Protein backbone atom coordinates (compact mmCIF):
# COMPACT_ATOMS: atom_id res chain seq x y z
CA MET A 1 -48.73 -14.33 -17.45
CA LYS A 2 -46.39 -14.30 -14.69
CA PHE A 3 -44.76 -17.01 -13.24
CA LYS A 4 -46.04 -15.70 -9.72
CA ASN A 5 -49.51 -16.11 -11.26
CA ILE A 6 -49.62 -19.71 -11.67
CA ALA A 7 -50.20 -20.75 -8.02
CA ALA A 8 -53.60 -18.20 -7.76
CA PHE A 9 -54.86 -19.04 -11.36
CA ALA A 10 -54.49 -22.69 -10.34
CA HIS A 11 -56.31 -22.20 -7.41
CA ASN A 12 -59.23 -19.66 -8.91
CA PHE A 13 -59.63 -22.70 -11.51
CA THR A 14 -60.08 -25.34 -9.55
CA HIS A 15 -62.96 -23.21 -7.42
CA SER A 16 -64.73 -22.46 -10.59
CA TYR A 17 -64.51 -26.10 -11.51
CA VAL A 18 -65.90 -27.65 -8.39
CA SER A 19 -68.04 -25.07 -7.85
CA PHE A 20 -72.23 -25.47 -7.90
CA GLU A 21 -72.75 -24.09 -10.92
CA ASN A 22 -70.63 -26.65 -12.70
CA TYR A 23 -72.71 -29.87 -13.20
CA VAL A 24 -73.23 -32.20 -16.23
CA ASP A 25 -76.35 -34.53 -17.02
CA GLY A 26 -78.00 -32.89 -13.89
CA GLU A 27 -75.36 -34.02 -11.00
CA PHE A 28 -72.82 -31.92 -9.89
CA VAL A 29 -69.63 -32.25 -11.08
CA PHE A 30 -67.82 -32.35 -7.54
CA LYS A 31 -69.87 -35.56 -6.62
CA ASP A 32 -68.32 -37.59 -9.54
CA LEU A 33 -64.76 -36.13 -8.41
CA LYS A 34 -64.55 -37.43 -4.98
CA ALA A 35 -66.18 -41.10 -6.15
CA LEU A 36 -63.26 -41.12 -8.26
CA ALA A 37 -60.75 -40.33 -5.90
CA TYR A 38 -62.43 -42.97 -3.20
CA GLU A 39 -62.46 -45.41 -6.01
CA SER A 40 -58.34 -44.62 -7.35
CA ASP A 41 -55.38 -46.19 -5.89
CA ASP A 42 -53.15 -43.43 -5.58
CA ASN A 43 -56.28 -40.65 -4.93
CA LEU A 44 -55.20 -38.85 -7.49
CA VAL A 45 -57.96 -37.81 -10.15
């Protein structure tokens, strides 16, 4: 993989990870990520 493609890969991976098709136990992953971000002290999850 070329170094210049890493940013595009990270962008696309992030969108696919928090999409409406990614859910666990009937809940969407992005809802849990939002809750974790609010609970963390430095807003990094």
